[in-house]
PDB file of N, CA and C in Angstrom:
ATOM      1  N   MET A   1     121.502 -26.303  96.388  1.00  0.00           N
ATOM      2  CA  MET A   1     121.222 -26.219  94.958  1.00  0.00           C
ATOM      3  C   MET A   1     119.752 -26.527  94.707  1.00  0.00           C
ATOM      4  N   PRO A   2     119.144 -25.805  93.786  1.00  0.00           N
ATOM      5  CA  PRO A   2     117.751 -26.089  93.435  1.00  0.00           C
ATOM      6  C   PRO A   2     117.609 -27.463  92.771  1.00  0.00           C
ATOM      7  N   VAL A   3     116.454 -28.054  92.941  1.00  0.00           N
ATOM      8  CA  VAL A   3     116.164 -29.369  92.368  1.00  0.00           C
ATOM      9  C   VAL A   3     114.955 -29.246  91.450  1.00  0.00           C
ATOM     10  N   VAL A   4     115.002 -29.940  90.318  1.00  0.00           N
ATOM     11  CA  VAL A   4     113.856 -29.974  89.404  1.00  0.00           C
ATOM     12  C   VAL A   4     112.743 -30.756  90.099  1.00  0.00           C
ATOM     13  N   THR A   5     111.620 -30.090  90.339  1.00  0.00           N
ATOM     14  CA  THR A   5     110.514 -30.743  91.034  1.00  0.00           C
ATOM     15  C   THR A   5     109.387 -31.155  90.099  1.00  0.00           C
ATOM     16  N   LYS A   6     109.310 -30.485  88.942  1.00  0.00           N
ATOM     17  CA  LYS A   6     108.229 -30.824  88.013  1.00  0.00           C
ATOM     18  C   LYS A   6     108.630 -30.420  86.603  1.00  0.00           C
ATOM     19  N   VAL A   7     108.234 -31.240  85.634  1.00  0.00           N
ATOM     20  CA  VAL A   7     108.414 -30.938  84.214  1.00  0.00           C
ATOM     21  C   VAL A   7     107.060 -31.147  83.556  1.00  0.00           C
ATOM     22  N   THR A   8     106.524 -30.086  82.945  1.00  0.00           N
ATOM     23  CA  THR A   8     105.222 -30.197  82.287  1.00  0.00           C
ATOM     24  C   THR A   8     105.343 -29.813  80.822  1.00  0.00           C
ATOM     25  N   GLN A   9     104.563 -30.476  79.993  1.00  0.00           N
ATOM     26  CA  GLN A   9     104.570 -30.180  78.564  1.00  0.00           C
ATOM     27  C   GLN A   9     103.654 -28.995  78.287  1.00  0.00           C
ATOM     28  N   GLN A  10     104.103 -28.109  77.401  1.00  0.00           N
ATOM     29  CA  GLN A  10     103.286 -26.977  76.988  1.00  0.00           C
ATOM     30  C   GLN A  10     102.316 -27.416  75.902  1.00  0.00           C
ATOM     31  N   LYS A  11     101.426 -26.508  75.502  1.00  0.00           N
ATOM     32  CA  LYS A  11     100.507 -26.807  74.402  1.00  0.00           C
ATOM     33  C   LYS A  11     101.269 -26.982  73.098  1.00  0.00           C
ATOM     34  N   ARG A  12     102.340 -26.194  72.936  1.00  0.00           N
ATOM     35  CA  ARG A  12     103.161 -26.329  71.728  1.00  0.00           C
ATOM     36  C   ARG A  12     103.958 -27.624  71.809  1.00  0.00           C
ATOM     37  N   PRO A  13     103.914 -28.437  70.780  1.00  0.00           N
ATOM     38  CA  PRO A  13     104.664 -29.695  70.800  1.00  0.00           C
ATOM     39  C   PRO A  13     106.166 -29.445  70.937  1.00  0.00           C
ATOM     40  N   GLY A  14     106.817 -30.262  71.754  1.00  0.00           N
ATOM     41  CA  GLY A  14     108.259 -30.174  71.902  1.00  0.00           C
ATOM     42  C   GLY A  14     108.739 -29.107  72.866  1.00  0.00           C
ATOM     43  N   ARG A  15     107.833 -28.463  73.617  1.00  0.00           N
ATOM     44  CA  ARG A  15     108.207 -27.420  74.582  1.00  0.00           C
ATOM     45  C   ARG A  15     107.798 -27.872  75.986  1.00  0.00           C
ATOM     46  N   TYR A  16     108.658 -27.597  76.955  1.00  0.00           N
ATOM     47  CA  TYR A  16     108.419 -28.039  78.324  1.00  0.00           C
ATOM     48  C   TYR A  16     108.702 -26.926  79.323  1.00  0.00           C
ATOM     49  N   ASN A  17     107.928 -26.896  80.403  1.00  0.00           N
ATOM     50  CA  ASN A  17     108.155 -25.972  81.515  1.00  0.00           C
ATOM     51  C   ASN A  17     108.930 -26.710  82.596  1.00  0.00           C
ATOM     52  N   ILE A  18     109.967 -26.064  83.115  1.00  0.00           N
ATOM     53  CA  ILE A  18     110.793 -26.649  84.165  1.00  0.00           C
ATOM     54  C   ILE A  18     110.529 -25.883  85.461  1.00  0.00           C
ATOM     55  N   TYR A  19     110.233 -26.616  86.530  1.00  0.00           N
ATOM     56  CA  TYR A  19     110.000 -26.025  87.841  1.00  0.00           C
ATOM     57  C   TYR A  19     111.136 -26.429  88.774  1.00  0.00           C
ATOM     58  N   LEU A  20     111.755 -25.431  89.406  1.00  0.00           N
ATOM     59  CA  LEU A  20     112.802 -25.674  90.397  1.00  0.00           C
ATOM     60  C   LEU A  20     112.233 -25.345  91.770  1.00  0.00           C
ATOM     61  N   ASP A  21     112.302 -26.301  92.677  1.00  0.00           N
ATOM     62  CA  ASP A  21     111.758 -26.137  94.033  1.00  0.00           C
ATOM     63  C   ASP A  21     110.315 -25.622  93.995  1.00  0.00           C
ATOM     64  N   ASP A  22     109.507 -26.228  93.157  1.00  0.00           N
ATOM     65  CA  ASP A  22     108.073 -25.936  93.003  1.00  0.00           C
ATOM     66  C   ASP A  22     107.767 -24.537  92.485  1.00  0.00           C
ATOM     67  N   GLU A  23     108.737 -23.872  91.867  1.00  0.00           N
ATOM     68  CA  GLU A  23     108.509 -22.567  91.244  1.00  0.00           C
ATOM     69  C   GLU A  23     108.960 -22.629  89.791  1.00  0.00           C
ATOM     70  N   PHE A  24     108.159 -22.016  88.900  1.00  0.00           N
ATOM     71  CA  PHE A  24     108.521 -22.008  87.485  1.00  0.00           C
ATOM     72  C   PHE A  24     109.886 -21.357  87.309  1.00  0.00           C
ATOM     73  N   ALA A  25     110.754 -21.997  86.501  1.00  0.00           N
ATOM     74  CA  ALA A  25     112.099 -21.460  86.282  1.00  0.00           C
ATOM     75  C   ALA A  25     112.319 -21.066  84.828  1.00  0.00           C
ATOM     76  N   ILE A  26     112.004 -21.985  83.897  1.00  0.00           N
ATOM     77  CA  ILE A  26     112.312 -21.729  82.492  1.00  0.00           C
ATOM     78  C   ILE A  26     111.493 -22.669  81.612  1.00  0.00           C
ATOM     79  N   ALA A  27     111.215 -22.217  80.400  1.00  0.00           N
ATOM     80  CA  ALA A  27     110.586 -23.066  79.383  1.00  0.00           C
ATOM     81  C   ALA A  27     111.673 -23.435  78.382  1.00  0.00           C
ATOM     82  N   VAL A  28     111.755 -24.718  78.043  1.00  0.00           N
ATOM     83  CA  VAL A  28     112.818 -25.178  77.151  1.00  0.00           C
ATOM     84  C   VAL A  28     112.274 -26.079  76.052  1.00  0.00           C
ATOM     85  N   ASP A  29     113.077 -26.214  75.010  1.00  0.00           N
ATOM     86  CA  ASP A  29     112.786 -27.119  73.913  1.00  0.00           C
ATOM     87  C   ASP A  29     113.121 -28.548  74.350  1.00  0.00           C
ATOM     88  N   GLU A  30     112.513 -29.515  73.706  1.00  0.00           N
ATOM     89  CA  GLU A  30     112.731 -30.920  74.045  1.00  0.00           C
ATOM     90  C   GLU A  30     114.205 -31.312  73.937  1.00  0.00           C
ATOM     91  N   ASN A  31     114.902 -30.797  72.927  1.00  0.00           N
ATOM     92  CA  ASN A  31     116.323 -31.119  72.755  1.00  0.00           C
ATOM     93  C   ASN A  31     117.155 -30.628  73.936  1.00  0.00           C
ATOM     94  N   ILE A  32     116.846 -29.451  74.436  1.00  0.00           N
ATOM     95  CA  ILE A  32     117.557 -28.888  75.586  1.00  0.00           C
ATOM     96  C   ILE A  32     117.247 -29.720  76.829  1.00  0.00           C
ATOM     97  N   LEU A  33     115.999 -30.113  76.985  1.00  0.00           N
ATOM     98  CA  LEU A  33     115.573 -30.936  78.116  1.00  0.00           C
ATOM     99  C   LEU A  33     116.402 -32.214  78.188  1.00  0.00           C
ATOM    100  N   ILE A  34     116.576 -32.851  77.051  1.00  0.00           N
ATOM    101  CA  ILE A  34     117.322 -34.110  77.003  1.00  0.00           C
ATOM    102  C   ILE A  34     118.818 -33.871  77.147  1.00  0.00           C
ATOM    103  N   ARG A  35     119.342 -32.855  76.459  1.00  0.00           N
ATOM    104  CA  ARG A  35     120.790 -32.592  76.478  1.00  0.00           C
ATOM    105  C   ARG A  35     121.296 -32.318  77.891  1.00  0.00           C
ATOM    106  N   PHE A  36     120.509 -31.608  78.702  1.00  0.00           N
ATOM    107  CA  PHE A  36     120.944 -31.244  80.047  1.00  0.00           C
ATOM    108  C   PHE A  36     120.334 -32.138  81.130  1.00  0.00           C
ATOM    109  N   ASP A  37     119.650 -33.205  80.749  1.00  0.00           N
ATOM    110  CA  ASP A  37     119.027 -34.140  81.702  1.00  0.00           C
ATOM    111  C   ASP A  37     118.166 -33.414  82.734  1.00  0.00           C
ATOM    112  N   LEU A  38     117.275 -32.578  82.260  1.00  0.00           N
ATOM    113  CA  LEU A  38     116.412 -31.800  83.150  1.00  0.00           C
ATOM    114  C   LEU A  38     115.157 -32.597  83.493  1.00  0.00           C
ATOM    115  N   PHE A  39     115.336 -33.612  84.302  1.00  0.00           N
ATOM    116  CA  PHE A  39     114.230 -34.458  84.705  1.00  0.00           C
ATOM    117  C   PHE A  39     113.998 -34.322  86.208  1.00  0.00           C
ATOM    118  N   LYS A  40     112.869 -34.755  86.684  1.00  0.00           N
ATOM    119  CA  LYS A  40     112.507 -34.630  88.092  1.00  0.00           C
ATOM    120  C   LYS A  40     113.608 -35.226  88.973  1.00  0.00           C
ATOM    121  N   GLY A  41     114.029 -34.449  89.963  1.00  0.00           N
ATOM    122  CA  GLY A  41     115.047 -34.912  90.895  1.00  0.00           C
ATOM    123  C   GLY A  41     116.459 -34.457  90.557  1.00  0.00           C
ATOM    124  N   THR A  42     116.657 -33.865  89.395  1.00  0.00           N
ATOM    125  CA  THR A  42     117.984 -33.402  88.989  1.00  0.00           C
ATOM    126  C   THR A  42     118.333 -32.115  89.728  1.00  0.00           C
ATOM    127  N   GLU A  43     119.544 -32.071  90.307  1.00  0.00           N
ATOM    128  CA  GLU A  43     120.018 -30.847  90.946  1.00  0.00           C
ATOM    129  C   GLU A  43     120.580 -29.920  89.881  1.00  0.00           C
ATOM    130  N   VAL A  44     120.248 -28.639  89.988  1.00  0.00           N
ATOM    131  CA  VAL A  44     120.655 -27.663  88.979  1.00  0.00           C
ATOM    132  C   VAL A  44     121.443 -26.543  89.658  1.00  0.00           C
ATOM    133  N   SER A  45     122.698 -26.388  89.251  1.00  0.00           N
ATOM    134  CA  SER A  45     123.511 -25.294  89.787  1.00  0.00           C
ATOM    135  C   SER A  45     123.200 -24.013  89.018  1.00  0.00           C
ATOM    136  N   ASP A  46     123.661 -22.896  89.552  1.00  0.00           N
ATOM    137  CA  ASP A  46     123.460 -21.616  88.869  1.00  0.00           C
ATOM    138  C   ASP A  46     124.166 -21.612  87.517  1.00  0.00           C
ATOM    139  N   THR A  47     125.339 -22.238  87.469  1.00  0.00           N
ATOM    140  CA  THR A  47     126.096 -22.318  86.217  1.00  0.00           C
ATOM    141  C   THR A  47     125.338 -23.131  85.179  1.00  0.00           C
ATOM    142  N   MET A  48     124.783 -24.262  85.611  1.00  0.00           N
ATOM    143  CA  MET A  48     124.032 -25.114  84.686  1.00  0.00           C
ATOM    144  C   MET A  48     122.788 -24.388  84.175  1.00  0.00           C
ATOM    145  N   LEU A  49     122.108 -23.661  85.057  1.00  0.00           N
ATOM    146  CA  LEU A  49     120.917 -22.918  84.646  1.00  0.00           C
ATOM    147  C   LEU A  49     121.280 -21.850  83.613  1.00  0.00           C
ATOM    148  N   ALA A  50     122.418 -21.193  83.807  1.00  0.00           N
ATOM    149  CA  ALA A  50     122.882 -20.193  82.835  1.00  0.00           C
ATOM    150  C   ALA A  50     123.197 -20.847  81.493  1.00  0.00           C
ATOM    151  N   GLU A  51     123.785 -22.055  81.524  1.00  0.00           N
ATOM    152  CA  GLU A  51     124.085 -22.785  80.288  1.00  0.00           C
ATOM    153  C   GLU A  51     122.804 -23.190  79.575  1.00  0.00           C
ATOM    154  N   VAL A  52     121.806 -23.615  80.330  1.00  0.00           N
ATOM    155  CA  VAL A  52     120.513 -23.998  79.750  1.00  0.00           C
ATOM    156  C   VAL A  52     119.865 -22.785  79.089  1.00  0.00           C
ATOM    157  N   GLN A  53     119.893 -21.647  79.774  1.00  0.00           N
ATOM    158  CA  GLN A  53     119.310 -20.427  79.212  1.00  0.00           C
ATOM    159  C   GLN A  53     120.037 -20.011  77.936  1.00  0.00           C
ATOM    160  N   ALA A  54     121.356 -20.130  77.930  1.00  0.00           N
ATOM    161  CA  ALA A  54     122.137 -19.773  76.740  1.00  0.00           C
ATOM    162  C   ALA A  54     121.822 -20.718  75.583  1.00  0.00           C
ATOM    163  N   ALA A  55     121.710 -22.014  75.872  1.00  0.00           N
ATOM    164  CA  ALA A  55     121.397 -22.993  74.830  1.00  0.00           C
ATOM    165  C   ALA A  55     119.994 -22.758  74.271  1.00  0.00           C
ATOM    166  N   GLU A  56     119.052 -22.424  75.137  1.00  0.00           N
ATOM    167  CA  GLU A  56     117.681 -22.146  74.698  1.00  0.00           C
ATOM    168  C   GLU A  56     117.651 -20.900  73.813  1.00  0.00           C
ATOM    169  N   TYR A  57     118.390 -19.869  74.205  1.00  0.00           N
ATOM    170  CA  TYR A  57     118.464 -18.636  73.417  1.00  0.00           C
ATOM    171  C   TYR A  57     119.085 -18.913  72.045  1.00  0.00           C
ATOM    172  N   GLU A  58     120.150 -19.713  72.033  1.00  0.00           N
ATOM    173  CA  GLU A  58     120.812 -20.069  70.769  1.00  0.00           C
ATOM    174  C   GLU A  58     119.861 -20.833  69.850  1.00  0.00           C
ATOM    175  N   GLN A  59     119.100 -21.753  70.418  1.00  0.00           N
ATOM    176  CA  GLN A  59     118.156 -22.531  69.619  1.00  0.00           C
ATOM    177  C   GLN A  59     117.070 -21.638  69.023  1.00  0.00           C
ATOM    178  N   LYS A  60     116.575 -20.675  69.812  1.00  0.00           N
ATOM    179  CA  LYS A  60     115.563 -19.744  69.308  1.00  0.00           C
ATOM    180  C   LYS A  60     116.123 -18.913  68.165  1.00  0.00           C
ATOM    181  N   LEU A  61     117.366 -18.452  68.309  1.00  0.00           N
ATOM    182  CA  LEU A  61     117.992 -17.672  67.241  1.00  0.00           C
ATOM    183  C   LEU A  61     118.134 -18.491  65.964  1.00  0.00           C
ATOM    184  N   MET A  62     118.560 -19.736  66.096  1.00  0.00           N
ATOM    185  CA  MET A  62     118.720 -20.596  64.920  1.00  0.00           C
ATOM    186  C   MET A  62     117.375 -20.816  64.226  1.00  0.00           C
ATOM    187  N   ARG A  63     116.329 -21.002  65.007  1.00  0.00           N
ATOM    188  CA  ARG A  63     114.997 -21.202  64.436  1.00  0.00           C
ATOM    189  C   ARG A  63     114.560 -19.953  63.671  1.00  0.00           C
ATOM    190  N   GLN A  64     114.824 -18.775  64.242  1.00  0.00           N
ATOM    191  CA  GLN A  64     114.456 -17.529  63.575  1.00  0.00           C
ATOM    192  C   GLN A  64     115.244 -17.330  62.290  1.00  0.00           C
ATOM    193  N   VAL A  65     116.519 -17.669  62.302  1.00  0.00           N
ATOM    194  CA  VAL A  65     117.343 -17.544  61.094  1.00  0.00           C
ATOM    195  C   VAL A  65     116.807 -18.459  60.005  1.00  0.00           C
ATOM    196  N   CYS A  66     116.432 -19.669  60.370  1.00  0.00           N
ATOM    197  CA  CYS A  66     115.879 -20.604  59.377  1.00  0.00           C
ATOM    198  C   CYS A  66     114.599 -20.050  58.773  1.00  0.00           C
ATOM    199  N   TYR A  67     113.728 -19.478  59.602  1.00  0.00           N
ATOM    200  CA  TYR A  67     112.487 -18.901  59.089  1.00  0.00           C
ATOM    201  C   TYR A  67     112.766 -17.724  58.171  1.00  0.00           C
ATOM    202  N   MET A  68     113.733 -16.891  58.541  1.00  0.00           N
ATOM    203  CA  MET A  68     114.055 -15.727  57.712  1.00  0.00           C
ATOM    204  C   MET A  68     114.641 -16.157  56.371  1.00  0.00           C
ATOM    205  N   ARG A  69     115.474 -17.189  56.378  1.00  0.00           N
ATOM    206  CA  ARG A  69     116.096 -17.638  55.137  1.00  0.00           C
ATOM    207  C   ARG A  69     115.084 -18.302  54.224  1.00  0.00           C
ATOM    208  N   LEU A  70     114.110 -18.990  54.802  1.00  0.00           N
ATOM    209  CA  LEU A  70     113.088 -19.632  53.976  1.00  0.00           C
ATOM    210  C   LEU A  70     112.149 -18.594  53.372  1.00  0.00           C
ATOM    211  N   GLY A  71     111.872 -17.566  54.151  1.00  0.00           N
ATOM    212  CA  GLY A  71     110.978 -16.515  53.667  1.00  0.00           C
ATOM    213  C   GLY A  71     109.647 -17.075  53.214  1.00  0.00           C
ATOM    214  N   ASN A  72     109.268 -16.783  51.983  1.00  0.00           N
ATOM    215  CA  ASN A  72     107.989 -17.239  51.446  1.00  0.00           C
ATOM    216  C   ASN A  72     108.063 -18.654  50.887  1.00  0.00           C
ATOM    217  N   TYR A  73     109.200 -19.302  51.026  1.00  0.00           N
ATOM    218  CA  TYR A  73     109.368 -20.627  50.445  1.00  0.00           C
ATOM    219  C   TYR A  73     109.235 -21.750  51.471  1.00  0.00           C
ATOM    220  N   GLY A  74     108.717 -21.458  52.643  1.00  0.00           N
ATOM    221  CA  GLY A  74     108.532 -22.473  53.666  1.00  0.00           C
ATOM    222  C   GLY A  74     107.623 -23.596  53.218  1.00  0.00           C
ATOM    223  N   HIS A  75     106.671 -23.292  52.355  1.00  0.00           N
ATOM    224  CA  HIS A  75     105.746 -24.318  51.870  1.00  0.00           C
ATOM    225  C   HIS A  75     106.468 -25.354  51.010  1.00  0.00           C
ATOM    226  N   VAL A  76     107.586 -24.982  50.401  1.00  0.00           N
ATOM    227  CA  VAL A  76     108.337 -25.918  49.551  1.00  0.00           C
ATOM    228  C   VAL A  76     108.894 -27.049  50.396  1.00  0.00           C
ATOM    229  N   ILE A  77     109.425 -26.728  51.563  1.00  0.00           N
ATOM    230  CA  ILE A  77     109.986 -27.746  52.447  1.00  0.00           C
ATOM    231  C   ILE A  77     108.889 -28.693  52.904  1.00  0.00           C
ATOM    232  N   LYS A  78     107.712 -28.157  53.223  1.00  0.00           N
ATOM    233  CA  LYS A  78     106.617 -28.989  53.698  1.00  0.00           C
ATOM    234  C   LYS A  78     106.148 -29.957  52.618  1.00  0.00           C
ATOM    235  N   SER A  79     106.254 -29.564  51.363  1.00  0.00           N
ATOM    236  CA  SER A  79     105.743 -30.420  50.297  1.00  0.00           C
ATOM    237  C   SER A  79     106.754 -31.474  49.853  1.00  0.00           C
ATOM    238  N   ILE A  80     107.989 -31.352  50.295  1.00  0.00           N
ATOM    239  CA  ILE A  80     109.017 -32.324  49.870  1.00  0.00           C
ATOM    240  C   ILE A  80     108.908 -33.572  50.631  1.00  0.00           C
TER     241      ILE A  80
END
């Protein structure tokens, strides 16, 4: 099974790159990183990697839906 060898933070806050066996595998959100315990030394099965990818995809979709629903009113949330 592949092992997480490195976790690096991206320029975007809350985003991390995950390296399995010293090769880039996936970029994930901080919530996904914590939920799946993707820290250095963690063994990752193919099933777990598929679950992580699905969770990351779901999170991206939810973020896009929120942006679409806010439309031009995103500034209202920031001012509250």
